[in-house]
C-alpha atoms as a PDB file:
ATOM      1  CA  MET A   1      -7.958 -10.939 -29.400  1.00  0.00           C
ATOM      2  CA  SER A   2      -6.389 -12.915 -26.546  1.00  0.00           C
ATOM      3  CA  SER A   3      -7.252 -12.019 -22.975  1.00  0.00           C
ATOM      4  CA  LYS A   4      -3.563 -11.230 -22.351  1.00  0.00           C
ATOM      5  CA  GLU A   5      -3.476  -8.756 -25.229  1.00  0.00           C
ATOM      6  CA  ARG A   6      -6.785  -7.266 -24.107  1.00  0.00           C
ATOM      7  CA  ARG A   7      -5.405  -6.856 -20.593  1.00  0.00           C
ATOM      8  CA  ARG A   8      -2.261  -5.198 -21.974  1.00  0.00           C
ATOM      9  CA  ARG A   9      -4.343  -2.725 -23.960  1.00  0.00           C
ATOM     10  CA  GLU A  10      -6.579  -1.991 -20.984  1.00  0.00           C
ATOM     11  CA  LEU A  11      -3.542  -1.207 -18.849  1.00  0.00           C
ATOM     12  CA  ALA A  12      -2.067   0.987 -21.561  1.00  0.00           C
ATOM     13  CA  ARG A  13      -5.344   2.863 -21.888  1.00  0.00           C
ATOM     14  CA  ALA A  14      -5.597   3.277 -18.124  1.00  0.00           C
ATOM     15  CA  LYS A  15      -2.064   4.623 -18.007  1.00  0.00           C
ATOM     16  CA  TYR A  16      -2.807   7.096 -20.817  1.00  0.00           C
ATOM     17  CA  GLU A  17      -5.956   8.266 -19.044  1.00  0.00           C
ATOM     18  CA  ARG A  18      -4.046   8.636 -15.794  1.00  0.00           C
ATOM     19  CA  GLN A  19      -1.391  10.761 -17.503  1.00  0.00           C
ATOM     20  CA  ALA A  20      -4.050  12.870 -19.220  1.00  0.00           C
ATOM     21  CA  ARG A  21      -5.816  13.385 -15.924  1.00  0.00           C
ATOM     22  CA  ARG A  22      -2.534  14.382 -14.337  1.00  0.00           C
ATOM     23  CA  ARG A  23      -1.865  16.977 -17.046  1.00  0.00           C
ATOM     24  CA  ALA A  24      -5.393  18.372 -16.759  1.00  0.00           C
ATOM     25  CA  GLU A  25      -5.159  18.509 -12.986  1.00  0.00           C
ATOM     26  CA  ARG A  26      -1.822  20.301 -13.193  1.00  0.00           C
ATOM     27  CA  ALA A  27      -3.193  22.868 -15.611  1.00  0.00           C
ATOM     28  CA  ARG A  28      -6.316  23.461 -13.552  1.00  0.00           C
ATOM     29  CA  ARG A  29      -4.771  23.747 -10.160  1.00  0.00           C
ATOM     30  CA  GLY A  30      -1.447  25.361 -10.982  1.00  0.00           C
ATOM     31  CA  ARG A  31      -0.156  27.485  -8.179  1.00  0.00           C
ATOM     32  CA  LYS A  32      -3.045  26.453  -5.927  1.00  0.00           C
ATOM     33  CA  VAL A  33      -1.583  22.944  -5.731  1.00  0.00           C
ATOM     34  CA  ARG A  34       1.839  24.208  -4.716  1.00  0.00           C
ATOM     35  CA  VAL A  35       0.379  26.426  -2.024  1.00  0.00           C
ATOM     36  CA  LEU A  36      -1.738  23.555  -0.690  1.00  0.00           C
ATOM     37  CA  LEU A  37       1.236  21.232  -0.621  1.00  0.00           C
ATOM     38  CA  ALA A  38       3.237  23.791   1.305  1.00  0.00           C
ATOM     39  CA  VAL A  39       0.419  24.128   3.841  1.00  0.00           C
ATOM     40  CA  VAL A  40       0.214  20.348   4.233  1.00  0.00           C
ATOM     41  CA  ALA A  41       3.971  20.194   4.784  1.00  0.00           C
ATOM     42  CA  VAL A  42       3.645  22.754   7.575  1.00  0.00           C
ATOM     43  CA  LEU A  43       0.753  20.855   9.131  1.00  0.00           C
ATOM     44  CA  VAL A  44       2.780  17.649   9.097  1.00  0.00           C
ATOM     45  CA  VAL A  45       5.601  19.316  11.010  1.00  0.00           C
ATOM     46  CA  ALA A  46       3.253  21.102  13.405  1.00  0.00           C
ATOM     47  CA  GLY A  47       0.926  18.152  13.884  1.00  0.00           C
ATOM     48  CA  GLY A  48       3.574  15.600  14.703  1.00  0.00           C
ATOM     49  CA  GLY A  49       2.341  13.103  12.131  1.00  0.00           C
ATOM     50  CA  THR A  50      -1.422  13.610  12.407  1.00  0.00           C
ATOM     51  CA  ALA A  51      -1.729  14.389   8.724  1.00  0.00           C
ATOM     52  CA  TRP A  52       0.069  11.198   7.826  1.00  0.00           C
ATOM     53  CA  ALA A  53      -2.168   9.212  10.141  1.00  0.00           C
ATOM     54  CA  MET A  54      -5.144  10.513   8.165  1.00  0.00           C
ATOM     55  CA  TRP A  55      -3.349   9.678   4.926  1.00  0.00           C
ATOM     56  CA  LEU A  56      -3.088   6.016   5.815  1.00  0.00           C
ATOM     57  CA  ASN A  57      -6.510   5.823   7.424  1.00  0.00           C
ATOM     58  CA  ASP A  58      -8.501   4.660   4.414  1.00  0.00           C
ATOM     59  CA  ASP A  59      -8.194   0.924   4.864  1.00  0.00           C
ATOM     60  CA  ASP A  60     -11.444  -1.065   5.008  1.00  0.00           C
ATOM     61  CA  SER A  61     -13.572   1.834   6.272  1.00  0.00           C
ATOM     62  CA  PRO A  62     -15.434   3.519   3.402  1.00  0.00           C
ATOM     63  CA  THR A  63     -18.170   4.781   5.722  1.00  0.00           C
ATOM     64  CA  ASP A  64     -15.811   6.616   8.088  1.00  0.00           C
ATOM     65  CA  ALA A  65     -15.877  10.257   6.996  1.00  0.00           C
ATOM     66  CA  ALA A  66     -12.674  11.047   8.867  1.00  0.00           C
ATOM     67  CA  ALA A  67     -10.942   8.284   6.958  1.00  0.00           C
ATOM     68  CA  SER A  68     -12.278   9.172   3.523  1.00  0.00           C
ATOM     69  CA  PRO A  69      -9.500   9.219   0.897  1.00  0.00           C
ATOM     70  CA  SER A  70     -10.994  12.371  -0.616  1.00  0.00           C
ATOM     71  CA  ASP A  71     -10.271  14.178   2.660  1.00  0.00           C
ATOM     72  CA  ALA A  72      -6.770  12.771   3.058  1.00  0.00           C
ATOM     73  CA  PRO A  73      -3.927  15.258   2.613  1.00  0.00           C
ATOM     74  CA  THR A  74      -1.134  14.292   0.278  1.00  0.00           C
ATOM     75  CA  ASP A  75       2.413  15.460  -0.256  1.00  0.00           C
ATOM     76  CA  GLU A  76       2.642  14.206  -3.815  1.00  0.00           C
ATOM     77  CA  ALA A  77       3.520  16.789  -6.446  1.00  0.00           C
ATOM     78  CA  PRO A  78       2.427  15.759  -9.973  1.00  0.00           C
ATOM     79  CA  SER A  79       5.161  14.346 -12.181  1.00  0.00           C
ATOM     80  CA  GLU A  80       6.211  16.866 -14.797  1.00  0.00           C
ATOM     81  CA  GLU A  81       6.799  14.342 -17.565  1.00  0.00           C
ATOM     82  CA  PRO A  82       5.533  10.827 -18.257  1.00  0.00           C
ATOM     83  CA  VAL A  83       8.053   8.169 -17.256  1.00  0.00           C
ATOM     84  CA  GLU A  84       8.760   4.782 -18.732  1.00  0.00           C
ATOM     85  CA  ASP A  85       7.000   1.966 -16.937  1.00  0.00           C
ATOM     86  CA  PRO A  86       9.716  -0.272 -15.448  1.00  0.00           C
ATOM     87  CA  CYS A  87       7.350  -3.188 -14.855  1.00  0.00           C
ATOM     88  CA  ALA A  88       5.976  -5.988 -16.993  1.00  0.00           C
ATOM     89  CA  ALA A  89       2.360  -6.626 -17.947  1.00  0.00           C
ATOM     90  CA  PRO A  90       0.369  -8.473 -15.249  1.00  0.00           C
ATOM     91  CA  ALA A  91      -0.306 -12.177 -15.471  1.00  0.00           C
ATOM     92  CA  GLU A  92      -3.749 -13.189 -16.633  1.00  0.00           C
ATOM     93  CA  GLY A  93      -6.372 -13.316 -13.918  1.00  0.00           C
ATOM     94  CA  GLU A  94      -8.472 -11.171 -11.603  1.00  0.00           C
ATOM     95  CA  PRO A  95      -8.645 -10.799  -7.806  1.00  0.00           C
ATOM     96  CA  THR A  96     -11.082 -13.145  -6.114  1.00  0.00           C
ATOM     97  CA  GLY A  97     -12.583 -10.402  -3.955  1.00  0.00           C
ATOM     98  CA  ASP A  98     -13.623 -13.035  -1.395  1.00  0.00           C
ATOM     99  CA  GLN A  99     -15.109 -11.871   1.914  1.00  0.00           C
ATOM    100  CA  TRP A 100     -15.263 -13.472   5.347  1.00  0.00           C
ATOM    101  CA  ASP A 101     -17.416 -12.690   8.376  1.00  0.00           C
ATOM    102  CA  ALA A 102     -14.628 -13.196  10.910  1.00  0.00           C
ATOM    103  CA  GLU A 103     -10.865 -13.473  11.041  1.00  0.00           C
ATOM    104  CA  PRO A 104      -9.495 -16.998  10.636  1.00  0.00           C
ATOM    105  CA  GLU A 105      -8.770 -19.282  13.546  1.00  0.00           C
ATOM    106  CA  LEU A 106      -5.230 -18.867  14.852  1.00  0.00           C
ATOM    107  CA  THR A 107      -3.257 -21.752  13.364  1.00  0.00           C
ATOM    108  CA  VAL A 108       0.114 -20.179  12.534  1.00  0.00           C
ATOM    109  CA  ASP A 109       3.130 -21.420  14.473  1.00  0.00           C
ATOM    110  CA  THR A 110       4.021 -18.350  16.508  1.00  0.00           C
ATOM    111  CA  GLY A 111       7.519 -19.663  17.115  1.00  0.00           C
ATOM    112  CA  THR A 112       8.441 -19.824  13.436  1.00  0.00           C
ATOM    113  CA  PRO A 113       8.926 -16.783  11.178  1.00  0.00           C
ATOM    114  CA  GLN A 114       6.826 -16.862   8.024  1.00  0.00           C
ATOM    115  CA  VAL A 115       8.176 -15.885   4.618  1.00  0.00           C
ATOM    116  CA  MET A 116       5.767 -14.095   2.305  1.00  0.00           C
ATOM    117  CA  THR A 117       6.851 -13.900  -1.325  1.00  0.00           C
ATOM    118  CA  LEU A 118       5.202 -11.309  -3.545  1.00  0.00           C
ATOM    119  CA  ALA A 119       5.740 -12.202  -7.181  1.00  0.00           C
ATOM    120  CA  THR A 120       5.030  -8.795  -8.711  1.00  0.00           C
ATOM    121  CA  THR A 121       5.143  -7.402 -12.203  1.00  0.00           C
ATOM    122  CA  CYS A 122       8.230  -5.442 -11.138  1.00  0.00           C
ATOM    123  CA  GLY A 123      10.125  -8.340  -9.540  1.00  0.00           C
ATOM    124  CA  ASP A 124       9.930 -10.562  -6.487  1.00  0.00           C
ATOM    125  CA  ILE A 125       9.713  -9.033  -3.009  1.00  0.00           C
ATOM    126  CA  GLU A 126      10.392 -11.229   0.018  1.00  0.00           C
ATOM    127  CA  LEU A 127       8.888 -10.375   3.397  1.00  0.00           C
ATOM    128  CA  THR A 128       9.809 -12.142   6.618  1.00  0.00           C
ATOM    129  CA  LEU A 129       6.816 -11.938   8.948  1.00  0.00           C
ATOM    130  CA  ASP A 130       7.044 -12.159  12.745  1.00  0.00           C
ATOM    131  CA  PRO A 131       4.152 -14.181  14.206  1.00  0.00           C
ATOM    132  CA  GLU A 132       5.577 -13.949  17.723  1.00  0.00           C
ATOM    133  CA  ALA A 133       5.229 -10.147  17.713  1.00  0.00           C
ATOM    134  CA  ALA A 134       1.980  -9.978  15.689  1.00  0.00           C
ATOM    135  CA  PRO A 135       0.345 -13.425  15.735  1.00  0.00           C
ATOM    136  CA  ARG A 136      -3.140 -12.484  14.561  1.00  0.00           C
ATOM    137  CA  THR A 137      -1.869 -10.265  11.769  1.00  0.00           C
ATOM    138  CA  VAL A 138       0.591 -12.841  10.443  1.00  0.00           C
ATOM    139  CA  ASN A 139      -1.988 -15.614  10.805  1.00  0.00           C
ATOM    140  CA  SER A 140      -4.423 -13.564   8.716  1.00  0.00           C
ATOM    141  CA  PHE A 141      -1.860 -12.962   5.994  1.00  0.00           C
ATOM    142  CA  ALA A 142      -0.984 -16.639   5.839  1.00  0.00           C
ATOM    143  CA  PHE A 143      -4.695 -17.449   5.548  1.00  0.00           C
ATOM    144  CA  LEU A 144      -5.375 -14.825   2.860  1.00  0.00           C
ATOM    145  CA  ALA A 145      -2.367 -15.868   0.806  1.00  0.00           C
ATOM    146  CA  GLY A 146      -3.529 -19.478   1.021  1.00  0.00           C
ATOM    147  CA  GLU A 147      -6.899 -18.376  -0.344  1.00  0.00           C
ATOM    148  CA  ASP A 148      -5.193 -16.580  -3.287  1.00  0.00           C
ATOM    149  CA  TYR A 149      -6.682 -13.339  -1.990  1.00  0.00           C
ATOM    150  CA  PHE A 150      -3.671 -11.185  -2.921  1.00  0.00           C
ATOM    151  CA  ASP A 151      -3.191 -12.700  -6.392  1.00  0.00           C
ATOM    152  CA  HIS A 152      -3.722 -10.235  -9.271  1.00  0.00           C
ATOM    153  CA  THR A 153      -4.166  -7.279  -6.904  1.00  0.00           C
ATOM    154  CA  PRO A 154      -2.600  -3.871  -7.669  1.00  0.00           C
ATOM    155  CA  CYS A 155      -0.491  -1.820  -5.308  1.00  0.00           C
ATOM    156  CA  HIS A 156      -2.614   1.295  -5.352  1.00  0.00           C
ATOM    157  CA  ARG A 157      -0.654   3.971  -3.509  1.00  0.00           C
ATOM    158  CA  LEU A 158       2.911   5.290  -3.498  1.00  0.00           C
ATOM    159  CA  THR A 159       4.388   8.239  -1.643  1.00  0.00           C
ATOM    160  CA  THR A 160       7.757   9.757  -2.457  1.00  0.00           C
ATOM    161  CA  GLU A 161       7.868  12.805  -0.173  1.00  0.00           C
ATOM    162  CA  GLY A 162       7.882  12.967   3.617  1.00  0.00           C
ATOM    163  CA  ILE A 163       7.011   9.306   3.994  1.00  0.00           C
ATOM    164  CA  PHE A 164       8.228   6.650   1.611  1.00  0.00           C
ATOM    165  CA  VAL A 165       5.885   3.694   1.300  1.00  0.00           C
ATOM    166  CA  LEU A 166       4.167   1.475  -1.241  1.00  0.00           C
ATOM    167  CA  GLN A 167       0.674   0.390  -0.171  1.00  0.00           C
ATOM    168  CA  CYS A 168      -0.869  -2.854  -1.405  1.00  0.00           C
ATOM    169  CA  GLY A 169      -3.402  -5.509  -0.432  1.00  0.00           C
ATOM    170  CA  ASP A 170      -6.673  -4.047  -1.735  1.00  0.00           C
ATOM    171  CA  PRO A 171      -8.343  -6.146  -4.453  1.00  0.00           C
ATOM    172  CA  THR A 172     -10.426  -3.138  -5.526  1.00  0.00           C
ATOM    173  CA  GLY A 173      -7.391  -0.907  -6.043  1.00  0.00           C
ATOM    174  CA  THR A 174      -9.249   2.006  -4.445  1.00  0.00           C
ATOM    175  CA  GLY A 175      -7.904   2.000  -0.892  1.00  0.00           C
ATOM    176  CA  GLN A 176     -11.346   1.005   0.408  1.00  0.00           C
ATOM    177  CA  GLY A 177     -11.256  -2.786   0.055  1.00  0.00           C
ATOM    178  CA  GLY A 178     -10.669  -5.489   2.621  1.00  0.00           C
ATOM    179  CA  PRO A 179     -11.448  -9.101   3.524  1.00  0.00           C
ATOM    180  CA  GLY A 180     -14.638  -8.369   5.485  1.00  0.00           C
ATOM    181  CA  TYR A 181     -13.145  -8.671   8.971  1.00  0.00           C
ATOM    182  CA  GLU A 182     -10.943  -6.395  11.057  1.00  0.00           C
ATOM    183  CA  LEU A 183      -7.784  -7.122  13.019  1.00  0.00           C
ATOM    184  CA  PRO A 184      -6.621  -5.621  16.306  1.00  0.00           C
ATOM    185  CA  ASP A 185      -3.463  -3.536  16.466  1.00  0.00           C
ATOM    186  CA  GLU A 186      -0.401  -5.505  17.525  1.00  0.00           C
ATOM    187  CA  ASN A 187       3.242  -4.781  18.315  1.00  0.00           C
ATOM    188  CA  LEU A 188       2.765  -1.008  18.558  1.00  0.00           C
ATOM    189  CA  ASP A 189       5.263  -0.924  21.410  1.00  0.00           C
ATOM    190  CA  ALA A 190       8.025  -2.274  19.176  1.00  0.00           C
ATOM    191  CA  PRO A 191      11.181  -0.291  19.967  1.00  0.00           C
ATOM    192  CA  GLU A 192      12.033   0.175  16.304  1.00  0.00           C
ATOM    193  CA  VAL A 193       8.950   2.400  15.779  1.00  0.00           C
ATOM    194  CA  ALA A 194       8.639   3.899  19.258  1.00  0.00           C
ATOM    195  CA  ASP A 195      10.326   7.145  18.221  1.00  0.00           C
ATOM    196  CA  GLY A 196       7.843   7.838  15.431  1.00  0.00           C
ATOM    197  CA  VAL A 197      10.018   6.541  12.610  1.00  0.00           C
ATOM    198  CA  TYR A 198       9.252   3.406  10.610  1.00  0.00           C
ATOM    199  CA  PRO A 199      12.667   2.258   9.340  1.00  0.00           C
ATOM    200  CA  ALA A 200      13.312   1.271   5.744  1.00  0.00           C
ATOM    201  CA  GLY A 201      12.284  -2.331   5.207  1.00  0.00           C
ATOM    202  CA  THR A 202       9.387  -2.279   7.677  1.00  0.00           C
ATOM    203  CA  VAL A 203       6.213  -4.150   6.734  1.00  0.00           C
ATOM    204  CA  ALA A 204       3.183  -2.639   8.484  1.00  0.00           C
ATOM    205  CA  MET A 205      -0.601  -2.585   8.399  1.00  0.00           C
ATOM    206  CA  ALA A 206      -2.689   0.261   7.018  1.00  0.00           C
ATOM    207  CA  ASN A 207      -5.821   1.043   9.025  1.00  0.00           C
ATOM    208  CA  SER A 208      -8.709   3.457   9.500  1.00  0.00           C
ATOM    209  CA  GLY A 209      -8.196   3.926  13.215  1.00  0.00           C
ATOM    210  CA  PRO A 210      -7.400   1.711  16.197  1.00  0.00           C
ATOM    211  CA  ASP A 211      -8.049  -2.002  15.682  1.00  0.00           C
ATOM    212  CA  THR A 212      -9.266  -1.719  12.088  1.00  0.00           C
ATOM    213  CA  GLY A 213      -6.606  -3.624  10.173  1.00  0.00           C
ATOM    214  CA  GLY A 214      -7.737  -5.697   7.212  1.00  0.00           C
ATOM    215  CA  SER A 215      -5.708  -6.795   4.214  1.00  0.00           C
ATOM    216  CA  GLN A 216      -3.980  -3.549   3.216  1.00  0.00           C
ATOM    217  CA  PHE A 217      -0.343  -3.205   4.162  1.00  0.00           C
ATOM    218  CA  PHE A 218       2.535  -0.927   3.307  1.00  0.00           C
ATOM    219  CA  LEU A 219       6.217  -1.472   2.591  1.00  0.00           C
ATOM    220  CA  VAL A 220       8.642   1.201   3.753  1.00  0.00           C
ATOM    221  CA  TYR A 221      11.514   1.761   1.316  1.00  0.00           C
ATOM    222  CA  GLU A 222      13.103   4.721   3.166  1.00  0.00           C
ATOM    223  CA  ASP A 223      12.938   5.741   6.819  1.00  0.00           C
ATOM    224  CA  SER A 224       9.546   7.426   7.268  1.00  0.00           C
ATOM    225  CA  GLN A 225       8.140   9.605  10.029  1.00  0.00           C
ATOM    226  CA  LEU A 226       4.915   8.009  11.187  1.00  0.00           C
ATOM    227  CA  PRO A 227       3.306   7.657  14.608  1.00  0.00           C
ATOM    228  CA  ALA A 228       3.426   4.190  16.143  1.00  0.00           C
ATOM    229  CA  SER A 229      -0.176   3.493  15.102  1.00  0.00           C
ATOM    230  CA  TYR A 230       0.320   0.892  12.369  1.00  0.00           C
ATOM    231  CA  THR A 231       1.074  -2.728  13.293  1.00  0.00           C
ATOM    232  CA  PRO A 232       4.657  -3.561  12.283  1.00  0.00           C
ATOM    233  CA  PHE A 233       4.678  -7.263  11.521  1.00  0.00           C
ATOM    234  CA  GLY A 234       7.685  -8.008   9.362  1.00  0.00           C
ATOM    235  CA  GLN A 235      10.693  -6.922   7.351  1.00  0.00           C
ATOM    236  CA  VAL A 236      11.536  -6.720   3.667  1.00  0.00           C
ATOM    237  CA  THR A 237      14.323  -9.300   3.392  1.00  0.00           C
ATOM    238  CA  GLY A 238      14.573  -9.371  -0.376  1.00  0.00           C
ATOM    239  CA  GLY A 239      13.633  -7.068  -3.234  1.00  0.00           C
ATOM    240  CA  LEU A 240      14.188  -3.688  -1.596  1.00  0.00           C
ATOM    241  CA  ASP A 241      15.759  -2.703  -4.919  1.00  0.00           C
ATOM    242  CA  VAL A 242      12.426  -3.542  -6.573  1.00  0.00           C
ATOM    243  CA  LEU A 243      10.695  -1.061  -4.266  1.00  0.00           C
ATOM    244  CA  GLU A 244      13.329   1.559  -5.070  1.00  0.00           C
ATOM    245  CA  THR A 245      12.752   1.036  -8.799  1.00  0.00           C
ATOM    246  CA  ILE A 246       9.004   1.487  -8.314  1.00  0.00           C
ATOM    247  CA  ALA A 247       9.596   4.639  -6.275  1.00  0.00           C
ATOM    248  CA  GLY A 248      12.007   5.953  -8.910  1.00  0.00           C
ATOM    249  CA  ALA A 249       9.194   5.931 -11.485  1.00  0.00           C
ATOM    250  CA  GLY A 250       7.246   8.340  -9.269  1.00  0.00           C
ATOM    251  CA  ALA A 251       3.567   8.693  -8.435  1.00  0.00           C
ATOM    252  CA  ALA A 252       0.572  10.216 -10.196  1.00  0.00           C
ATOM    253  CA  ALA A 253      -1.368  13.221  -8.972  1.00  0.00           C
ATOM    254  CA  PRO A 254      -4.127  12.376  -6.482  1.00  0.00           C
ATOM    255  CA  ASP A 255      -7.043  10.614  -8.120  1.00  0.00           C
ATOM    256  CA  PRO A 256     -10.079  12.924  -7.872  1.00  0.00           C
ATOM    257  CA  THR A 257     -12.306  10.040  -6.777  1.00  0.00           C
ATOM    258  CA  SER A 258     -10.186   7.978  -4.404  1.00  0.00           C
ATOM    259  CA  GLY A 259      -7.480  10.469  -3.429  1.00  0.00           C
ATOM    260  CA  ASN A 260      -4.817   7.828  -4.094  1.00  0.00           C
ATOM    261  CA  THR A 261      -1.423   8.743  -5.474  1.00  0.00           C
ATOM    262  CA  ALA A 262      -0.987   5.675  -7.658  1.00  0.00           C
ATOM    263  CA  PRO A 263       2.495   4.567  -8.694  1.00  0.00           C
ATOM    264  CA  ASN A 264       3.388   5.364 -12.283  1.00  0.00           C
ATOM    265  CA  ALA A 265       4.777   1.836 -12.497  1.00  0.00           C
ATOM    266  CA  THR A 266       2.242  -0.919 -13.113  1.00  0.00           C
ATOM    267  CA  VAL A 267       2.664  -2.736  -9.801  1.00  0.00           C
ATOM    268  CA  VAL A 268       0.511  -5.850  -9.569  1.00  0.00           C
ATOM    269  CA  ILE A 269       0.976  -8.827  -7.257  1.00  0.00           C
ATOM    270  CA  ASN A 270       0.701 -11.748  -9.659  1.00  0.00           C
ATOM    271  CA  GLU A 271       0.944 -14.266  -6.818  1.00  0.00           C
ATOM    272  CA  ALA A 272       1.499 -14.166  -3.065  1.00  0.00           C
ATOM    273  CA  THR A 273       2.591 -17.137  -0.988  1.00  0.00           C
ATOM    274  CA  VAL A 274       3.357 -17.590   2.714  1.00  0.00           C
ATOM    275  CA  GLU A 275       5.477 -20.455   4.013  1.00  0.00           C
ATOM    276  CA  PRO A 276       7.323 -21.156   7.262  1.00  0.00           C
ATOM    277  CA  ALA A 277      10.951 -20.011   7.169  1.00  0.00           C
ATOM    278  CA  ALA A 278      13.395 -22.803   6.477  1.00  0.00           C
END
């Protein structure tokens, strides 16, 4: 059996297991889930975004109890019926999982926007990154892309209620992975997020608290209420329709181990590149 066919079967089996787990979880929790979701919705309104801050705070910090995915509230209701996967099978290959002791030396030209192209199983997504506003973040992404760090990595989390983001950048697919170093917050005073709304098309960093950015990032496909705590460092300038297609397929119930609400679509970054804008 070819490795491509084996990979296809593994993905199909994983999808079947995910759907079975979703059905079992729905049967077990029943009304309890709906009540919990209602409570979380109230807390989000009353807490001014605190619950969502906890939701995103699982990046690169598995030892931080407050950031543990199993403790993170979620607004995702389980899908009632399985949906057709709109994405293709991933290209052959596995994430490198490389680690570094420190962030790379700053070499990016801060005066030139950088274009990051995500060739995903669902279509290409183009991100224009702003090194003037977030030099260390953009420099890190250029470095990681050059090291093939993002290649063959899944996008492990999707939300379709309250906030509308796809989260990617973790080679482990668990929400706990990172490159081994942490980045400081940047550009948090950007006027576009000052009012607690990340507009559709924003590219921002996930984190586990102040100055704990790593490799995980999220793409906003609809305006989302979030506190200005996540470094905004670029814009989706192509492929927003790809994100909308992924969102249209919905998300699974929270994984009992990681707490992630994985997209029903098989979203894998086959290859990521960063180049200076023409």
